[in-house]
Each structure stands twice: as structure tokens, then as C-alpha cells.
Amino acid sequence: MVVDGTDQFVGNDNAHALRAIAQSARIPKLALTLSTPSLGGSGLNLSVSSPHASTLPTADIVAVLIETTASTQVARGENGGRTLHHVSVVRSMQKIGTTGKLASPLFFSFALPTDANIANLRVVVFAQEPGQGKVLGSATSTAPAPPY
């Protein structure tokens, strides 16, 4: 498990997870505003901005298309014959810019996966120090706007 891009540990260490999450919750985060996704010619279209763009530290802006739930029918191996259920499955991830571009809305889009239920898709955007640095803030979308 990784919390805020800085604290890495084995995910079944409940005590460490609770401490890391509580500590992270006390640290102020960057305010990011994510638009409601809309369907258009290029797929799922959104924008991200920040009300405090002029004072933001330098960071990368990364957008992630997730499928909130999914399942896999396993044919072989130790899970053969089972159906595995998943949450927050990453379908696509892309760097869309930097905090320096948030003074006006930063527009971006995702191609829609052909096998995904559109109503089951969400977008998460986060600001992260360059490289594999600390996560400074995030925002999550609602479901895409109809029509599907």
C-alpha cells in the first residue's frame, strides 16, 4: 500500500495503514476542481482547474480512468472456475499537464473502452511532485453525463 506517494508498506498491516491515512488526512491538500465528464467525439471529455493556480507548487497533473467495479471469469489455475470481483480498476492513465497550466481549465479526454459500462466509469485526477514524488491533491468525477 502507498499513501500520498510517500509511505509504502505491506497492505495487510492494518495499524500502519490507519496511522498513515490519519496522518495524511491532517495535511492540507491542493484544491483541484474536476468537471462533470461528458461524452463527445473523442470519448470522455473533462477539464481540471484550481482556484489557487498562481500559488501552486510545481507538480504533474495525472488523470486516471477507472472502472468502479469489474469481474473476471477465471478459466485455469488456482482460481479456475471462479469469478473474481474487482474495484477501482485502472483502464487508462495519462499525464495531462502541470500545475502551471491550471490558471485556466486544462482540458483532456479518454478514449472509451469498448467493453466498459459507461455509467461505471469515473475519473480521478491528482497532482504529484515530479517523478514519483508526493501526491499533493486529488479530485474525483461523478458518472459521465447522459446520453449513454
Protein backbone atom coordinates (compact mmCIF):
# COMPACT_ATOMS: atom_id res chain seq x y z
CA MET A 1 0.00 0.00 0.00
CA VAL A 2 1.19 3.53 -0.73
CA VAL A 3 -0.34 6.58 0.98
CA ASP A 4 0.13 10.03 -0.61
CA GLY A 5 3.05 8.71 -2.67
CA THR A 6 5.36 8.78 0.36
CA ASP A 7 4.53 5.99 2.81
CA GLN A 8 4.89 2.46 1.39
CA PHE A 9 4.14 -0.70 3.36
CA VAL A 10 2.53 -4.14 3.18
CA GLY A 11 -1.20 -3.60 2.69
CA ASN A 12 -2.30 -6.04 5.36
CA ASP A 13 -0.54 -4.02 8.08
CA ASN A 14 -3.77 -2.51 9.44
CA ALA A 15 -2.13 -0.46 12.18
CA HIS A 16 0.33 1.12 9.74
CA ALA A 17 -2.46 1.79 7.23
CA LEU A 18 -4.62 3.54 9.82
CA ARG A 19 -1.68 5.66 11.06
CA ALA A 20 -0.65 6.63 7.51
CA ILE A 21 -4.18 7.54 6.46
CA ALA A 22 -4.82 9.55 9.65
CA GLN A 23 -1.52 11.42 9.22
CA SER A 24 -2.29 12.11 5.56
CA ALA A 25 -5.76 13.44 6.45
CA ARG A 26 -4.15 16.11 8.68
CA ILE A 27 -2.01 17.51 5.84
CA PRO A 28 -3.69 20.24 3.74
CA LYS A 29 -4.14 19.23 0.09
CA LEU A 30 -4.21 21.23 -3.13
CA ALA A 31 -7.70 22.18 -4.24
CA LEU A 32 -8.46 20.69 -7.65
CA THR A 33 -11.81 21.07 -9.41
CA LEU A 34 -12.82 18.41 -11.92
CA SER A 35 -15.67 18.98 -14.37
CA THR A 36 -18.50 16.51 -14.89
CA PRO A 37 -17.45 14.09 -17.66
CA SER A 38 -19.28 14.43 -20.96
CA LEU A 39 -19.36 12.19 -24.00
CA GLY A 40 -18.07 13.68 -27.22
CA GLY A 41 -16.36 12.82 -30.49
CA SER A 42 -13.06 11.96 -28.82
CA GLY A 43 -14.57 9.91 -25.99
CA LEU A 44 -14.96 11.06 -22.40
CA ASN A 45 -14.14 14.78 -22.09
CA LEU A 46 -13.29 16.68 -18.90
CA SER A 47 -11.33 19.61 -17.54
CA VAL A 48 -9.47 20.27 -14.31
CA SER A 49 -8.64 23.60 -12.71
CA SER A 50 -7.61 25.07 -9.38
CA PRO A 51 -8.87 28.21 -7.67
CA HIS A 52 -5.35 28.85 -6.35
CA ALA A 53 -3.40 28.18 -9.55
CA SER A 54 -0.99 31.09 -9.13
CA THR A 55 0.31 29.79 -5.79
CA LEU A 56 0.53 26.06 -6.56
CA PRO A 57 3.86 24.27 -6.23
CA THR A 58 5.26 22.64 -9.36
CA ALA A 59 3.66 19.25 -9.86
CA ASP A 60 2.50 16.90 -12.60
CA ILE A 61 -1.23 16.51 -13.22
CA VAL A 62 -2.19 12.90 -13.89
CA ALA A 63 -5.63 11.68 -14.98
CA VAL A 64 -6.82 8.12 -14.43
CA LEU A 65 -9.86 6.47 -15.98
CA ILE A 66 -11.22 3.84 -13.60
CA GLU A 67 -13.98 1.30 -13.80
CA THR A 68 -15.59 1.30 -10.36
CA THR A 69 -16.40 -2.42 -10.40
CA ALA A 70 -15.48 -5.30 -12.69
CA SER A 71 -15.31 -9.07 -12.62
CA THR A 72 -13.17 -11.72 -14.23
CA GLN A 73 -14.14 -15.30 -15.07
CA VAL A 74 -11.03 -17.36 -14.34
CA ALA A 75 -10.61 -20.38 -16.60
CA ARG A 76 -7.48 -22.01 -15.15
CA GLY A 77 -5.05 -22.04 -12.27
CA GLU A 78 -5.69 -21.88 -8.54
CA ASN A 79 -8.78 -19.69 -9.10
CA GLY A 80 -10.07 -21.72 -12.06
CA GLY A 81 -13.85 -21.74 -12.29
CA ARG A 82 -14.22 -18.74 -10.00
CA THR A 83 -15.49 -15.26 -10.64
CA LEU A 84 -13.20 -12.61 -9.16
CA HIS A 85 -14.70 -9.21 -8.30
CA HIS A 86 -12.58 -6.04 -8.51
CA VAL A 87 -12.98 -2.39 -7.51
CA SER A 88 -11.40 0.76 -8.97
CA VAL A 89 -9.78 -0.95 -11.95
CA VAL A 90 -7.43 1.40 -13.83
CA ARG A 91 -8.37 1.39 -17.52
CA SER A 92 -6.12 4.26 -18.65
CA MET A 93 -3.66 6.69 -17.05
CA GLN A 94 -2.02 9.74 -18.58
CA LYS A 95 -0.04 12.80 -17.58
CA ILE A 96 -2.14 15.72 -18.83
CA GLY A 97 -0.01 18.69 -17.78
CA THR A 98 1.46 20.52 -14.82
CA THR A 99 0.08 22.76 -12.09
CA GLY A 100 1.39 25.77 -14.03
CA LYS A 101 -1.36 25.17 -16.62
CA LEU A 102 -4.25 25.24 -14.11
CA ALA A 103 -4.81 29.02 -14.22
CA SER A 104 -7.45 28.25 -16.85
CA PRO A 105 -9.21 24.90 -17.22
CA LEU A 106 -6.93 22.16 -18.52
CA PHE A 107 -8.97 20.06 -20.97
CA PHE A 108 -8.33 16.36 -21.59
CA SER A 109 -10.12 13.26 -22.82
CA PHE A 110 -10.07 9.48 -22.65
CA ALA A 111 -10.98 7.04 -25.39
CA LEU A 112 -13.80 4.86 -24.08
CA PRO A 113 -13.00 1.18 -23.54
CA THR A 114 -15.32 -0.79 -25.83
CA ASP A 115 -16.08 -3.36 -23.12
CA ALA A 116 -16.82 -0.93 -20.28
CA ASN A 117 -20.19 0.12 -18.90
CA ILE A 118 -20.01 3.92 -19.32
CA ALA A 119 -22.12 4.55 -16.21
CA ASN A 120 -19.50 2.56 -14.26
CA LEU A 121 -16.58 4.83 -15.24
CA ARG A 122 -15.05 7.58 -13.11
CA VAL A 123 -12.03 9.80 -13.49
CA VAL A 124 -9.50 10.60 -10.78
CA VAL A 125 -7.07 13.47 -11.25
CA PHE A 126 -4.13 14.03 -8.93
CA ALA A 127 -1.23 16.44 -8.56
CA GLN A 128 2.09 14.75 -7.81
CA GLU A 129 5.56 16.14 -7.33
CA PRO A 130 7.67 15.36 -10.43
CA GLY A 131 8.89 11.80 -10.86
CA GLN A 132 7.41 9.51 -8.25
CA GLY A 133 7.02 12.26 -5.67
CA LYS A 134 4.47 13.12 -3.05
CA VAL A 135 0.79 13.34 -4.01
CA LEU A 136 -0.34 16.90 -3.26
CA GLY A 137 -4.05 16.75 -4.01
CA SER A 138 -6.75 14.95 -5.96
CA ALA A 139 -10.30 15.15 -7.31
CA THR A 140 -12.79 12.51 -8.44
CA SER A 141 -15.52 12.79 -11.06
CA THR A 142 -19.11 11.72 -10.94
CA ALA A 143 -20.57 9.38 -13.55
CA PRO A 144 -20.44 10.62 -17.15
CA ALA A 145 -23.33 12.80 -18.21
CA PRO A 146 -26.05 11.04 -20.31
CA PRO A 147 -26.86 10.12 -23.02
CA TYR A 148 -25.14 6.75 -22.91
